[in-house]
């Protein structure tokens, strides 16, 4: 290419969910949110709570701050430490690179000190014991002790594809032991309304199952309307 891009680009002006919207999503299970979004919304399975939540309570709810550092680099995430709003979930887009860590314990601690609610990446992390001690909830693809670079180019405050999901700064992130869900900014109110009905129906079904319910399909009705057939 002709010329070199800047090492770091900062995108300003992203929308931000209201405190009421953030509060409405706290404590809501990720599975219920996916149900409220037509069975979708979660990042790919390899992005899981670090240590599968064994040693660190991994729950986070907050607006996404997208740090697209590119593969093997962390420059945008370093900038996020300085520019995040307390309560943000920093989403590090590493473009799926798996041959080195994204961040480790020291940067986890800095993000925690700056007020981040959590950290999500499509790559590995390192310094497991130190990350647990820092106490910042984190989701990643595993562990790798190789070091990242800070060469750039990177973009902070924009959008990226992470774990198969398009994530824009200002979208809502809800993450727990089951995984990470992305709620697009424009859909936040609709999802909040829909998930209330999901929770109600789930509570009714849970009560029925505890009472002995064991027939999720009405086979006789399906045979009668032709949606199931018997052969042989």
Protein backbone atom coordinates (compact mmCIF):
# COMPACT_ATOMS: atom_id res chain seq x y z
CA UNK A 1 0.00 0.00 0.00
CA UNK A 2 1.04 3.63 -0.49
CA UNK A 3 1.78 5.32 2.81
CA UNK A 4 1.30 4.01 6.32
CA UNK A 5 -1.95 4.30 8.30
CA UNK A 6 -1.88 5.93 11.74
CA UNK A 7 -1.01 3.55 14.55
CA UNK A 8 -4.27 4.37 16.31
CA UNK A 9 -7.62 5.76 15.12
CA UNK A 10 -10.18 6.89 17.70
CA UNK A 11 -13.81 6.97 16.54
CA UNK A 12 -16.00 9.38 18.50
CA UNK A 13 -19.75 9.92 18.71
CA UNK A 14 -21.01 6.37 19.36
CA UNK A 15 -24.44 6.16 21.02
CA UNK A 16 -24.65 4.95 24.60
CA UNK A 17 -27.44 3.02 26.33
CA UNK A 18 -29.21 4.77 29.18
CA UNK A 19 -28.65 3.77 32.78
CA UNK A 20 -32.23 2.48 32.84
CA UNK A 21 -31.56 0.21 29.85
CA UNK A 22 -28.38 -1.12 31.44
CA UNK A 23 -30.16 -1.75 34.75
CA UNK A 24 -33.01 -3.58 32.99
CA UNK A 25 -30.57 -6.14 31.57
CA UNK A 26 -28.64 -6.84 34.76
CA UNK A 27 -29.36 -10.29 36.11
CA UNK A 28 -30.96 -11.50 32.88
CA UNK A 29 -29.62 -14.84 31.68
CA UNK A 30 -27.96 -14.86 28.29
CA UNK A 31 -30.13 -17.79 27.16
CA UNK A 32 -33.28 -15.75 27.77
CA UNK A 33 -31.87 -12.87 25.73
CA UNK A 34 -31.12 -15.19 22.82
CA UNK A 35 -34.68 -16.50 23.02
CA UNK A 36 -35.89 -12.89 22.91
CA UNK A 37 -33.84 -12.33 19.75
CA UNK A 38 -35.14 -15.29 17.80
CA UNK A 39 -32.61 -17.77 19.14
CA UNK A 40 -29.61 -15.70 18.07
CA UNK A 41 -27.25 -13.06 19.43
CA UNK A 42 -24.45 -15.05 21.10
CA UNK A 43 -20.82 -15.07 20.09
CA UNK A 44 -19.27 -18.35 18.92
CA UNK A 45 -18.84 -21.15 21.46
CA UNK A 46 -15.03 -20.91 21.82
CA UNK A 47 -15.48 -17.48 23.47
CA UNK A 48 -16.12 -18.64 27.02
CA UNK A 49 -15.55 -17.30 30.54
CA UNK A 50 -11.89 -17.63 31.41
CA UNK A 51 -11.38 -20.88 33.32
CA UNK A 52 -15.06 -21.56 32.53
CA UNK A 53 -15.90 -19.45 35.58
CA UNK A 54 -14.16 -21.88 37.92
CA UNK A 55 -12.15 -19.27 39.83
CA UNK A 56 -13.63 -15.96 38.68
CA UNK A 57 -17.30 -14.98 38.83
CA UNK A 58 -17.89 -14.08 35.20
CA UNK A 59 -20.97 -11.88 34.83
CA UNK A 60 -20.90 -8.57 32.99
CA UNK A 61 -23.51 -6.17 31.64
CA UNK A 62 -22.56 -2.93 29.92
CA UNK A 63 -22.08 -0.99 26.71
CA UNK A 64 -19.49 -2.34 24.30
CA UNK A 65 -16.31 -0.36 23.72
CA UNK A 66 -14.82 -2.01 20.64
CA UNK A 67 -11.03 -2.10 20.44
CA UNK A 68 -10.08 -3.45 17.03
CA UNK A 69 -6.37 -4.02 17.38
CA UNK A 70 -6.00 -6.46 14.52
CA UNK A 71 -4.39 -9.90 14.79
CA UNK A 72 -1.62 -10.27 17.38
CA UNK A 73 -1.77 -6.59 18.44
CA UNK A 74 -3.27 -4.73 21.44
CA UNK A 75 -2.74 -1.04 20.71
CA UNK A 76 -6.46 -0.18 20.66
CA UNK A 77 -7.04 -2.01 23.94
CA UNK A 78 -4.20 -0.09 25.56
CA UNK A 79 -5.97 3.10 24.46
CA UNK A 80 -9.24 1.82 25.91
CA UNK A 81 -7.75 2.02 29.40
CA UNK A 82 -7.54 5.81 28.99
CA UNK A 83 -10.82 6.43 27.17
CA UNK A 84 -13.43 4.01 28.50
CA UNK A 85 -16.47 5.15 30.45
CA UNK A 86 -16.84 3.26 33.75
CA UNK A 87 -19.20 0.35 33.19
CA UNK A 88 -18.04 -0.36 29.63
CA UNK A 89 -17.30 -3.90 28.49
CA UNK A 90 -14.12 -3.75 26.41
CA UNK A 91 -14.46 -5.95 23.32
CA UNK A 92 -11.04 -6.73 21.85
CA UNK A 93 -11.24 -7.75 18.21
CA UNK A 94 -8.20 -9.86 17.45
CA UNK A 95 -9.55 -11.21 14.16
CA UNK A 96 -9.52 -14.71 15.58
CA UNK A 97 -5.74 -14.92 15.98
CA UNK A 98 -4.90 -17.82 18.32
CA UNK A 99 -1.10 -17.92 18.36
CA UNK A 100 -0.57 -15.35 21.13
CA UNK A 101 -2.38 -13.76 24.04
CA UNK A 102 -4.48 -10.65 23.73
CA UNK A 103 -4.07 -9.30 27.28
CA UNK A 104 -2.76 -10.61 30.60
CA UNK A 105 -3.04 -9.84 34.26
CA UNK A 106 -1.49 -6.36 34.28
CA UNK A 107 -3.71 -4.93 31.56
CA UNK A 108 -6.70 -6.72 33.13
CA UNK A 109 -5.90 -4.91 36.35
CA UNK A 110 -5.59 -1.56 34.56
CA UNK A 111 -8.96 -2.04 32.87
CA UNK A 112 -10.49 -2.95 36.21
CA UNK A 113 -8.94 0.15 37.80
CA UNK A 114 -10.38 2.29 35.00
CA UNK A 115 -13.89 0.98 35.71
CA UNK A 116 -14.41 -1.63 32.99
CA UNK A 117 -17.23 -4.07 33.70
CA UNK A 118 -15.64 -6.86 31.69
CA UNK A 119 -13.37 -7.89 28.84
CA UNK A 120 -14.32 -9.98 25.79
CA UNK A 121 -12.01 -11.22 23.04
CA UNK A 122 -11.95 -13.70 20.19
CA UNK A 123 -8.40 -14.70 21.12
CA UNK A 124 -6.60 -16.20 24.12
CA UNK A 125 -5.39 -14.48 27.28
CA UNK A 126 -2.45 -15.19 29.59
CA UNK A 127 -1.41 -14.98 33.26
CA UNK A 128 -4.42 -16.89 34.55
CA UNK A 129 -3.72 -16.60 38.28
CA UNK A 130 -3.09 -12.86 37.96
CA UNK A 131 -6.29 -12.34 35.96
CA UNK A 132 -8.25 -14.09 38.68
CA UNK A 133 -6.57 -11.90 41.30
CA UNK A 134 -7.33 -8.74 39.29
CA UNK A 135 -11.01 -9.67 39.37
CA UNK A 136 -12.08 -8.39 35.95
CA UNK A 137 -14.66 -10.76 34.41
CA UNK A 138 -13.24 -12.00 31.11
CA UNK A 139 -14.29 -14.13 28.14
CA UNK A 140 -11.75 -15.54 25.71
CA UNK A 141 -10.87 -18.64 23.68
CA UNK A 142 -8.34 -20.05 26.15
CA UNK A 143 -4.79 -19.40 27.32
CA UNK A 144 -1.53 -18.77 25.46
CA UNK A 145 1.63 -17.25 26.98
CA UNK A 146 2.96 -15.70 23.76
CA UNK A 147 3.11 -11.87 23.86
CA UNK A 148 1.12 -9.49 21.65
CA UNK A 149 2.49 -6.45 19.84
CA UNK A 150 1.64 -2.75 20.03
CA UNK A 151 2.52 -1.79 16.48
CA UNK A 152 -0.96 -1.04 15.14
CA UNK A 153 -2.84 -0.06 13.20
CA UNK A 154 -5.79 -0.19 15.57
CA UNK A 155 -9.19 1.46 15.90
CA UNK A 156 -10.97 2.28 19.15
CA UNK A 157 -14.65 3.12 19.38
CA UNK A 158 -15.79 1.71 16.06
CA UNK A 159 -17.16 -1.71 15.20
CA UNK A 160 -15.83 -5.16 14.36
CA UNK A 161 -16.84 -8.78 13.89
CA UNK A 162 -16.05 -10.77 17.02
CA UNK A 163 -17.00 -14.41 17.42
CA UNK A 164 -19.28 -14.25 14.41
CA UNK A 165 -21.19 -11.23 15.72
CA UNK A 166 -21.07 -7.69 14.43
CA UNK A 167 -20.34 -5.54 17.50
CA UNK A 168 -20.50 -1.76 17.47
CA UNK A 169 -19.46 0.55 20.25
CA UNK A 170 -22.64 1.34 22.19
CA UNK A 171 -24.26 -2.07 21.66
CA UNK A 172 -25.12 -3.87 24.88
CA UNK A 173 -23.01 -6.79 26.03
CA UNK A 174 -24.51 -9.30 28.45
CA UNK A 175 -22.16 -12.11 29.39
CA UNK A 176 -22.31 -14.96 31.89
CA UNK A 177 -21.07 -18.55 32.25
CA UNK A 178 -23.04 -19.56 29.16
CA UNK A 179 -21.34 -17.06 26.85
CA UNK A 180 -21.51 -13.54 25.44
CA UNK A 181 -24.60 -11.94 23.90
CA UNK A 182 -24.57 -8.79 21.77
CA UNK A 183 -27.71 -6.64 21.68
CA UNK A 184 -27.56 -4.08 18.87
CA UNK A 185 -28.15 -0.55 20.15
CA UNK A 186 -31.29 -0.05 18.05
CA UNK A 187 -32.86 -3.23 19.45
CA UNK A 188 -32.23 -2.69 23.16
CA UNK A 189 -35.74 -1.56 24.13
CA UNK A 190 -37.42 -4.25 22.02
CA UNK A 191 -35.24 -6.97 23.56
CA UNK A 192 -35.94 -5.70 27.09
CA UNK A 193 -39.67 -5.92 26.40
CA UNK A 194 -39.46 -9.34 24.75
CA UNK A 195 -37.28 -10.90 27.43
CA UNK A 196 -39.86 -10.15 30.10
CA UNK A 197 -42.30 -12.50 28.34
CA UNK A 198 -39.54 -15.09 27.86
CA UNK A 199 -38.79 -15.04 31.58
CA UNK A 200 -42.49 -15.45 32.39
CA UNK A 201 -42.88 -18.45 30.06
CA UNK A 202 -39.63 -20.00 31.33
CA UNK A 203 -40.84 -19.73 34.94
CA UNK A 204 -44.10 -21.45 34.03
CA UNK A 205 -42.28 -24.28 32.24
CA UNK A 206 -39.78 -24.69 35.06
CA UNK A 207 -42.64 -25.12 37.54
CA UNK A 208 -44.27 -27.74 35.29
CA UNK A 209 -41.01 -29.70 34.88
CA UNK A 210 -40.45 -29.74 38.63
CA UNK A 211 -43.99 -31.07 38.97
CA UNK A 212 -43.21 -33.99 36.66
CA UNK A 213 -43.95 -32.64 33.17
CA UNK A 214 -42.25 -34.78 30.50
CA UNK A 215 -44.04 -34.27 27.18
CA UNK A 216 -42.46 -31.37 25.28
CA UNK A 217 -44.09 -32.52 22.00
CA UNK A 218 -47.73 -33.46 21.44
CA UNK A 219 -47.01 -36.41 19.15
CA UNK A 220 -50.69 -37.35 18.69
CA UNK A 221 -51.53 -33.85 17.50
CA UNK A 222 -48.55 -33.83 15.14
CA UNK A 223 -49.63 -37.12 13.63
CA UNK A 224 -53.12 -35.78 13.22
CA UNK A 225 -52.06 -32.60 11.39
CA UNK A 226 -49.41 -34.31 9.27
CA UNK A 227 -46.36 -32.60 10.78
CA UNK A 228 -45.21 -36.08 11.93
CA UNK A 229 -45.63 -39.43 10.22
CA UNK A 230 -45.21 -43.05 11.26
CA UNK A 231 -43.49 -45.51 8.93
CA UNK A 232 -42.67 -49.20 9.11
